[in-house]
Amino acid sequence: MQEIYFLARHTPFWAVPLIVLGGEFAYLFWLKKKKSSAILCLIFAFVGLMACSFYVWAGGPQKSVKFIKTMHRNHFQ
């Protein structure tokens, strides 16, 4: 679980580049008529967007980890 907490605490450092790179490569693949690769890149960008949205919704690094710990304790134990 430490890895999950680390990823949740440092979400902006991996999710923002994922959004930018996923969007840029999706656009390039779309121009080259490689639809399946473009869709895959868009999915990566969407995952990054959802992670950033969760980070903001939860309230930052400490509260996002606290939310994940609470959900894990309430639903999986």
Foldseek 3Di string as FASTA:
>chain_A
DVVVLVCLQPLVVPLVVLLVVLQVVLVVCVVVVNNVSSVVSVVSNVVSVVSVVLCVVLPHNVSSSVVVVVCCVVPPD
